[in-house]
Amino acid sequence: MGSYAENLGLTQAERTVFAHDPDFQQTARTQANEWAEKLVQAVKAVTDADDGIRVALDAVVLDSDPMDGTFNGFNRNPQDSPYPSLEEAGKAANMPKDRKDIPAWWQSLDPATRGILLKEKGDELRAAGVMDPAPAPPPRHAPPP
């Protein structure tokens, strides 16, 4: 396995600068961290989309007539989702695992979705902190007299 500089794909001249310039090293690390964060966000977006599709498919692939001779058939009579949209159903299915992210997630939900979730999972949601008070907004400065 090569050095950090080699793993970055730097030319020989860039590796020389990298080895002797602490600012260059810090810049390279900062850029690597920014790319890592972009990758994390991309994976999260794809995971959220995947979960939304899973929710939609779960609603239509339930066998609506087990006596029709087919197994795991298409649900010809899907029940309406209680959620106002597929996006809301996906959000509802993806409560953050980190407690600090829950208030922002909860605020992003449609009021109807919040009501459905409280009815279905009230105790779990309260234990997760959805009813915790939101952080106070920063104080506003009074206008000059």
N, C-alpha and C. Protein backbone atom coordinates (compact mmCIF):
# COMPACT_ATOMS: atom_id res chain seq x y z
N MET A 1 0.86 -1.18 0.00
CA MET A 1 0.00 0.00 0.00
C MET A 1 0.90 1.23 0.00
N GLY A 2 0.58 2.20 -0.81
CA GLY A 2 1.40 3.40 -0.95
C GLY A 2 1.14 4.40 0.16
N SER A 3 1.87 5.50 0.09
CA SER A 3 1.70 6.56 1.07
C SER A 3 0.39 7.29 0.82
N TYR A 4 0.04 8.14 1.79
CA TYR A 4 -1.18 8.94 1.68
C TYR A 4 -1.15 9.76 0.39
N ALA A 5 0.01 10.39 0.11
CA ALA A 5 0.14 11.22 -1.09
C ALA A 5 -0.02 10.39 -2.35
N GLU A 6 0.56 9.19 -2.36
CA GLU A 6 0.43 8.32 -3.54
C GLU A 6 -1.02 7.89 -3.73
N ASN A 7 -1.70 7.61 -2.62
CA ASN A 7 -3.09 7.19 -2.69
C ASN A 7 -4.00 8.29 -3.19
N LEU A 8 -3.56 9.52 -3.06
CA LEU A 8 -4.35 10.64 -3.58
C LEU A 8 -4.17 10.80 -5.09
N GLY A 9 -3.22 10.05 -5.68
CA GLY A 9 -2.99 10.14 -7.11
C GLY A 9 -2.19 11.37 -7.50
N LEU A 10 -1.31 11.83 -6.62
CA LEU A 10 -0.53 13.02 -6.90
C LEU A 10 0.67 12.70 -7.78
N THR A 11 1.07 13.66 -8.59
CA THR A 11 2.28 13.52 -9.39
C THR A 11 3.49 13.62 -8.46
N GLN A 12 4.69 13.31 -8.99
CA GLN A 12 5.89 13.39 -8.17
C GLN A 12 6.10 14.82 -7.65
N ALA A 13 5.89 15.81 -8.50
CA ALA A 13 6.05 17.21 -8.08
C ALA A 13 5.05 17.55 -6.98
N GLU A 14 3.82 17.10 -7.13
CA GLU A 14 2.81 17.37 -6.11
C GLU A 14 3.14 16.65 -4.80
N ARG A 15 3.68 15.43 -4.90
CA ARG A 15 4.07 14.71 -3.69
C ARG A 15 5.19 15.43 -2.95
N THR A 16 6.12 16.03 -3.71
CA THR A 16 7.21 16.78 -3.08
C THR A 16 6.65 17.98 -2.33
N VAL A 17 5.76 18.71 -2.99
CA VAL A 17 5.12 19.86 -2.34
C VAL A 17 4.33 19.39 -1.13
N PHE A 18 3.61 18.32 -1.30
CA PHE A 18 2.78 17.75 -0.23
C PHE A 18 3.64 17.44 1.00
N ALA A 19 4.80 16.85 0.78
CA ALA A 19 5.66 16.44 1.89
C ALA A 19 6.28 17.62 2.62
N HIS A 20 6.41 18.76 1.96
CA HIS A 20 7.13 19.88 2.56
C HIS A 20 6.26 21.09 2.88
N ASP A 21 5.00 21.05 2.56
CA ASP A 21 4.13 22.20 2.78
C ASP A 21 2.94 21.81 3.66
N PRO A 22 2.95 22.18 4.95
CA PRO A 22 1.85 21.77 5.83
C PRO A 22 0.49 22.33 5.39
N ASP A 23 0.49 23.52 4.76
CA ASP A 23 -0.78 24.07 4.28
C ASP A 23 -1.36 23.20 3.16
N PHE A 24 -0.48 22.69 2.30
CA PHE A 24 -0.94 21.81 1.22
C PHE A 24 -1.53 20.54 1.80
N GLN A 25 -0.88 20.00 2.83
CA GLN A 25 -1.39 18.79 3.47
C GLN A 25 -2.77 19.04 4.08
N GLN A 26 -2.91 20.19 4.74
CA GLN A 26 -4.20 20.51 5.35
C GLN A 26 -5.27 20.70 4.27
N THR A 27 -4.91 21.36 3.18
CA THR A 27 -5.86 21.56 2.08
C THR A 27 -6.29 20.22 1.49
N ALA A 28 -5.33 19.34 1.31
CA ALA A 28 -5.65 18.01 0.76
C ALA A 28 -6.58 17.25 1.70
N ARG A 29 -6.30 17.31 2.98
CA ARG A 29 -7.17 16.63 3.96
C ARG A 29 -8.57 17.25 3.96
N THR A 30 -8.63 18.57 3.89
CA THR A 30 -9.93 19.25 3.87
C THR A 30 -10.73 18.83 2.64
N GLN A 31 -10.07 18.80 1.49
CA GLN A 31 -10.76 18.39 0.27
C GLN A 31 -11.20 16.93 0.35
N ALA A 32 -10.36 16.08 0.91
CA ALA A 32 -10.74 14.67 1.07
C ALA A 32 -11.95 14.55 1.99
N ASN A 33 -11.97 15.31 3.07
CA ASN A 33 -13.11 15.28 3.98
C ASN A 33 -14.38 15.81 3.32
N GLU A 34 -14.24 16.84 2.49
CA GLU A 34 -15.41 17.38 1.77
C GLU A 34 -15.98 16.32 0.82
N TRP A 35 -15.10 15.63 0.11
CA TRP A 35 -15.56 14.57 -0.79
C TRP A 35 -16.20 13.43 0.00
N ALA A 36 -15.62 13.10 1.13
CA ALA A 36 -16.19 12.03 1.96
C ALA A 36 -17.61 12.42 2.40
N GLU A 37 -17.79 13.68 2.79
CA GLU A 37 -19.11 14.15 3.21
C GLU A 37 -20.10 14.12 2.04
N LYS A 38 -19.63 14.50 0.85
CA LYS A 38 -20.50 14.43 -0.33
C LYS A 38 -20.92 12.99 -0.60
N LEU A 39 -20.00 12.06 -0.42
CA LEU A 39 -20.34 10.65 -0.63
C LEU A 39 -21.35 10.17 0.41
N VAL A 40 -21.17 10.58 1.65
CA VAL A 40 -22.12 10.22 2.71
C VAL A 40 -23.51 10.74 2.36
N GLN A 41 -23.60 12.00 1.91
CA GLN A 41 -24.89 12.58 1.54
C GLN A 41 -25.51 11.86 0.35
N ALA A 42 -24.69 11.48 -0.63
CA ALA A 42 -25.20 10.76 -1.80
C ALA A 42 -25.74 9.39 -1.40
N VAL A 43 -25.01 8.70 -0.55
CA VAL A 43 -25.48 7.38 -0.09
C VAL A 43 -26.78 7.53 0.70
N LYS A 44 -26.87 8.57 1.52
CA LYS A 44 -28.10 8.81 2.29
C LYS A 44 -29.28 9.08 1.36
N ALA A 45 -29.05 9.89 0.32
CA ALA A 45 -30.13 10.20 -0.63
C ALA A 45 -30.60 8.95 -1.35
N VAL A 46 -29.67 8.11 -1.76
CA VAL A 46 -30.04 6.88 -2.45
C VAL A 46 -30.77 5.94 -1.49
N THR A 47 -30.30 5.86 -0.26
CA THR A 47 -30.97 5.01 0.74
C THR A 47 -32.39 5.49 1.00
N ASP A 48 -32.56 6.81 1.13
CA ASP A 48 -33.91 7.35 1.33
C ASP A 48 -34.83 7.02 0.15
N ALA A 49 -34.31 7.18 -1.05
CA ALA A 49 -35.12 6.85 -2.24
C ALA A 49 -35.45 5.36 -2.26
N ASP A 50 -34.47 4.54 -1.94
CA ASP A 50 -34.68 3.09 -1.92
C ASP A 50 -35.75 2.72 -0.89
N ASP A 51 -35.70 3.35 0.27
CA ASP A 51 -36.70 3.06 1.30
C ASP A 51 -38.09 3.51 0.86
N GLY A 52 -38.16 4.63 0.15
CA GLY A 52 -39.45 5.08 -0.36
C GLY A 52 -40.04 4.11 -1.37
N ILE A 53 -39.19 3.58 -2.23
CA ILE A 53 -39.65 2.59 -3.21
C ILE A 53 -40.10 1.32 -2.50
N ARG A 54 -39.35 0.91 -1.46
CA ARG A 54 -39.73 -0.28 -0.70
C ARG A 54 -41.12 -0.11 -0.09
N VAL A 55 -41.38 1.06 0.47
CA VAL A 55 -42.70 1.32 1.06
C VAL A 55 -43.79 1.20 0.00
N ALA A 56 -43.54 1.78 -1.17
CA ALA A 56 -44.54 1.73 -2.24
C ALA A 56 -44.76 0.30 -2.72
N LEU A 57 -43.67 -0.43 -2.90
CA LEU A 57 -43.81 -1.81 -3.37
C LEU A 57 -44.47 -2.71 -2.34
N ASP A 58 -44.17 -2.49 -1.07
CA ASP A 58 -44.82 -3.28 -0.02
C ASP A 58 -46.34 -3.15 -0.09
N ALA A 59 -46.80 -1.98 -0.48
CA ALA A 59 -48.25 -1.75 -0.54
C ALA A 59 -48.91 -2.48 -1.71
N VAL A 60 -48.16 -2.75 -2.77
CA VAL A 60 -48.80 -3.35 -3.94
C VAL A 60 -48.46 -4.81 -4.17
N VAL A 61 -47.51 -5.35 -3.46
CA VAL A 61 -47.17 -6.75 -3.73
C VAL A 61 -47.74 -7.72 -2.70
N LEU A 62 -48.59 -7.22 -1.84
CA LEU A 62 -49.29 -8.12 -0.94
C LEU A 62 -50.36 -8.86 -1.74
N ASP A 63 -50.42 -10.15 -1.56
CA ASP A 63 -51.38 -10.95 -2.31
C ASP A 63 -52.79 -10.64 -1.81
N SER A 64 -53.59 -10.01 -2.66
CA SER A 64 -54.93 -9.60 -2.25
C SER A 64 -55.93 -10.76 -2.27
N ASP A 65 -55.58 -11.85 -2.93
CA ASP A 65 -56.50 -12.99 -2.99
C ASP A 65 -55.72 -14.29 -2.90
N PRO A 66 -55.46 -14.77 -1.67
CA PRO A 66 -54.67 -15.99 -1.53
C PRO A 66 -55.38 -17.23 -2.07
N MET A 67 -56.66 -17.12 -2.37
CA MET A 67 -57.42 -18.27 -2.86
C MET A 67 -57.47 -18.34 -4.38
N ASP A 68 -56.75 -17.43 -5.09
CA ASP A 68 -56.83 -17.42 -6.55
C ASP A 68 -55.84 -18.39 -7.21
N GLY A 69 -55.11 -19.16 -6.42
CA GLY A 69 -54.19 -20.14 -6.98
C GLY A 69 -52.79 -19.61 -7.25
N THR A 70 -52.56 -18.33 -7.04
CA THR A 70 -51.21 -17.79 -7.19
C THR A 70 -50.65 -17.48 -5.81
N PHE A 71 -49.34 -17.44 -5.74
CA PHE A 71 -48.70 -17.13 -4.46
C PHE A 71 -47.92 -15.84 -4.60
N ASN A 72 -48.04 -15.00 -3.59
CA ASN A 72 -47.35 -13.71 -3.59
C ASN A 72 -47.65 -12.91 -4.84
N GLY A 73 -48.91 -12.92 -5.25
CA GLY A 73 -49.32 -12.20 -6.45
C GLY A 73 -49.43 -10.71 -6.24
N PHE A 74 -49.74 -10.02 -7.30
CA PHE A 74 -49.89 -8.57 -7.27
C PHE A 74 -51.16 -8.22 -6.53
N ASN A 75 -51.12 -7.20 -5.72
CA ASN A 75 -52.27 -6.77 -4.96
C ASN A 75 -53.20 -5.97 -5.88
N ARG A 76 -54.26 -6.59 -6.33
CA ARG A 76 -55.18 -5.92 -7.25
C ARG A 76 -56.02 -4.87 -6.55
N ASN A 77 -56.11 -4.96 -5.26
CA ASN A 77 -56.94 -4.03 -4.50
C ASN A 77 -56.12 -3.38 -3.38
N PRO A 78 -55.11 -2.60 -3.73
CA PRO A 78 -54.29 -2.01 -2.66
C PRO A 78 -55.10 -1.02 -1.83
N GLN A 79 -54.83 -1.02 -0.55
CA GLN A 79 -55.49 -0.04 0.30
C GLN A 79 -54.75 1.28 0.17
N ASP A 80 -55.49 2.33 0.25
CA ASP A 80 -54.87 3.65 0.19
C ASP A 80 -53.91 3.82 1.35
N SER A 81 -52.80 4.42 1.08
CA SER A 81 -51.85 4.74 2.13
C SER A 81 -52.43 5.86 2.98
N PRO A 82 -52.25 5.79 4.29
CA PRO A 82 -52.77 6.89 5.12
C PRO A 82 -51.95 8.16 4.98
N TYR A 83 -50.75 8.03 4.40
CA TYR A 83 -49.87 9.19 4.28
C TYR A 83 -50.27 10.06 3.10
N PRO A 84 -50.03 11.36 3.20
CA PRO A 84 -50.46 12.27 2.14
C PRO A 84 -49.70 12.10 0.83
N SER A 85 -48.52 11.49 0.86
CA SER A 85 -47.76 11.28 -0.37
C SER A 85 -46.77 10.14 -0.15
N LEU A 86 -46.24 9.65 -1.26
CA LEU A 86 -45.21 8.61 -1.18
C LEU A 86 -43.97 9.15 -0.47
N GLU A 87 -43.66 10.42 -0.72
CA GLU A 87 -42.51 11.04 -0.06
C GLU A 87 -42.69 11.03 1.46
N GLU A 88 -43.89 11.37 1.91
CA GLU A 88 -44.16 11.37 3.35
C GLU A 88 -44.10 9.96 3.92
N ALA A 89 -44.59 8.98 3.17
CA ALA A 89 -44.51 7.59 3.63
C ALA A 89 -43.05 7.17 3.78
N GLY A 90 -42.21 7.59 2.83
CA GLY A 90 -40.79 7.28 2.92
C GLY A 90 -40.14 7.96 4.10
N LYS A 91 -40.47 9.23 4.33
CA LYS A 91 -39.92 9.95 5.50
C LYS A 91 -40.36 9.27 6.79
N ALA A 92 -41.64 8.88 6.84
CA ALA A 92 -42.17 8.26 8.05
C ALA A 92 -41.45 6.95 8.35
N ALA A 93 -41.05 6.24 7.32
CA ALA A 93 -40.38 4.95 7.50
C ALA A 93 -38.92 5.11 7.87
N ASN A 94 -38.39 6.32 7.80
CA ASN A 94 -36.96 6.53 8.01
C ASN A 94 -36.66 7.48 9.15
N MET A 95 -37.14 7.15 10.34
CA MET A 95 -36.81 7.97 11.50
C MET A 95 -35.31 7.87 11.75
N PRO A 96 -34.63 8.99 11.95
CA PRO A 96 -33.19 8.95 12.18
C PRO A 96 -32.85 8.13 13.42
N LYS A 97 -31.71 7.48 13.39
CA LYS A 97 -31.27 6.69 14.53
C LYS A 97 -30.61 7.57 15.59
N ASP A 98 -30.01 8.67 15.16
CA ASP A 98 -29.34 9.58 16.07
C ASP A 98 -30.36 10.56 16.66
N ARG A 99 -30.48 10.56 17.98
CA ARG A 99 -31.50 11.38 18.64
C ARG A 99 -31.39 12.86 18.28
N LYS A 100 -30.17 13.36 18.04
CA LYS A 100 -30.02 14.79 17.73
C LYS A 100 -30.63 15.14 16.37
N ASP A 101 -30.82 14.16 15.48
CA ASP A 101 -31.40 14.41 14.17
C ASP A 101 -32.93 14.32 14.17
N ILE A 102 -33.49 13.82 15.25
CA ILE A 102 -34.95 13.58 15.29
C ILE A 102 -35.77 14.87 15.23
N PRO A 103 -35.41 15.94 15.98
CA PRO A 103 -36.25 17.15 15.88
C PRO A 103 -36.36 17.70 14.46
N ALA A 104 -35.25 17.74 13.72
CA ALA A 104 -35.31 18.26 12.34
C ALA A 104 -36.16 17.34 11.46
N TRP A 105 -36.01 16.02 11.64
CA TRP A 105 -36.82 15.05 10.89
C TRP A 105 -38.30 15.27 11.20
N TRP A 106 -38.63 15.40 12.46
CA TRP A 106 -40.02 15.56 12.89
C TRP A 106 -40.62 16.83 12.30
N GLN A 107 -39.84 17.92 12.33
CA GLN A 107 -40.33 19.18 11.77
C GLN A 107 -40.52 19.11 10.26
N SER A 108 -39.77 18.23 9.59
CA SER A 108 -39.88 18.11 8.13
C SER A 108 -41.14 17.36 7.70
N LEU A 109 -41.79 16.68 8.63
CA LEU A 109 -42.97 15.88 8.30
C LEU A 109 -44.22 16.74 8.18
N ASP A 110 -45.09 16.33 7.28
CA ASP A 110 -46.40 16.94 7.13
C ASP A 110 -47.18 16.71 8.44
N PRO A 111 -48.02 17.67 8.88
CA PRO A 111 -48.79 17.47 10.11
C PRO A 111 -49.63 16.19 10.09
N ALA A 112 -50.17 15.82 8.94
CA ALA A 112 -50.96 14.58 8.86
C ALA A 112 -50.07 13.37 9.12
N THR A 113 -48.85 13.41 8.61
CA THR A 113 -47.92 12.30 8.82
C THR A 113 -47.56 12.21 10.30
N ARG A 114 -47.34 13.36 10.94
CA ARG A 114 -47.04 13.35 12.37
C ARG A 114 -48.18 12.70 13.16
N GLY A 115 -49.41 13.07 12.80
CA GLY A 115 -50.57 12.49 13.50
C GLY A 115 -50.65 10.99 13.32
N ILE A 116 -50.41 10.51 12.11
CA ILE A 116 -50.44 9.07 11.84
C ILE A 116 -49.36 8.37 12.66
N LEU A 117 -48.16 8.93 12.64
CA LEU A 117 -47.06 8.31 13.38
C LEU A 117 -47.31 8.30 14.88
N LEU A 118 -47.86 9.39 15.42
CA LEU A 118 -48.16 9.41 16.86
C LEU A 118 -49.20 8.36 17.21
N LYS A 119 -50.16 8.16 16.32
CA LYS A 119 -51.19 7.15 16.57
C LYS A 119 -50.59 5.74 16.52
N GLU A 120 -49.72 5.49 15.52
CA GLU A 120 -49.16 4.15 15.32
C GLU A 120 -48.00 3.84 16.26
N LYS A 121 -47.14 4.84 16.52
CA LYS A 121 -45.91 4.59 17.26
C LYS A 121 -45.66 5.64 18.33
N GLY A 122 -46.71 6.09 18.98
CA GLY A 122 -46.59 7.19 19.92
C GLY A 122 -45.55 6.99 21.00
N ASP A 123 -45.59 5.85 21.69
CA ASP A 123 -44.64 5.62 22.79
C ASP A 123 -43.21 5.59 22.28
N GLU A 124 -42.98 4.92 21.17
CA GLU A 124 -41.63 4.84 20.59
C GLU A 124 -41.13 6.24 20.20
N LEU A 125 -42.00 7.04 19.60
CA LEU A 125 -41.60 8.38 19.18
C LEU A 125 -41.33 9.30 20.37
N ARG A 126 -42.18 9.20 21.39
CA ARG A 126 -41.94 10.02 22.58
C ARG A 126 -40.63 9.62 23.24
N ALA A 127 -40.32 8.31 23.30
CA ALA A 127 -39.06 7.85 23.87
C ALA A 127 -37.88 8.33 23.04
N ALA A 128 -38.09 8.49 21.73
CA ALA A 128 -37.02 8.96 20.84
C ALA A 128 -36.83 10.47 20.93
N GLY A 129 -37.78 11.19 21.54
CA GLY A 129 -37.59 12.61 21.76
C GLY A 129 -38.37 13.55 20.87
N VAL A 130 -39.40 13.06 20.15
CA VAL A 130 -40.10 13.98 19.24
C VAL A 130 -40.87 15.06 20.00
N MET A 131 -41.16 14.82 21.25
CA MET A 131 -41.90 15.81 22.03
C MET A 131 -40.96 16.69 22.86
N ASP A 132 -39.65 16.45 22.76
CA ASP A 132 -38.69 17.30 23.47
C ASP A 132 -38.83 18.72 22.96
N PRO A 133 -38.64 19.69 23.83
CA PRO A 133 -38.74 21.08 23.35
C PRO A 133 -37.65 21.36 22.31
N ALA A 134 -38.03 22.11 21.33
CA ALA A 134 -37.06 22.51 20.29
C ALA A 134 -36.08 23.50 20.91
N PRO A 135 -34.85 23.53 20.41
CA PRO A 135 -33.91 24.51 20.93
C PRO A 135 -34.43 25.93 20.70
N ALA A 136 -34.14 26.79 21.66
CA ALA A 136 -34.60 28.18 21.55
C ALA A 136 -33.89 28.87 20.40
N PRO A 137 -34.60 29.70 19.65
CA PRO A 137 -33.94 30.45 18.58
C PRO A 137 -32.97 31.46 19.19
N PRO A 138 -31.97 31.87 18.42
CA PRO A 138 -31.03 32.86 18.96
C PRO A 138 -31.76 34.16 19.30
N PRO A 139 -31.29 34.87 20.33
CA PRO A 139 -31.98 36.11 20.71
C PRO A 139 -31.89 37.15 19.60
N ARG A 140 -32.94 37.89 19.46
CA ARG A 140 -32.97 38.96 18.45
C ARG A 140 -32.48 40.24 19.12
N HIS A 141 -31.69 40.97 18.41
CA HIS A 141 -31.20 42.22 18.95
C HIS A 141 -32.27 43.29 18.75
N ALA A 142 -32.44 44.08 19.78
CA ALA A 142 -33.43 45.16 19.70
C ALA A 142 -32.91 46.23 18.74
N PRO A 143 -33.81 46.80 17.94
CA PRO A 143 -33.38 47.88 17.03
C PRO A 143 -32.91 49.09 17.84
N PRO A 144 -31.98 49.84 17.31
CA PRO A 144 -31.51 51.03 18.05
C PRO A 144 -32.65 52.03 18.22
N PRO A 145 -32.65 52.75 19.35
CA PRO A 145 -33.77 53.72 19.60
C PRO A 145 -33.72 54.90 18.68
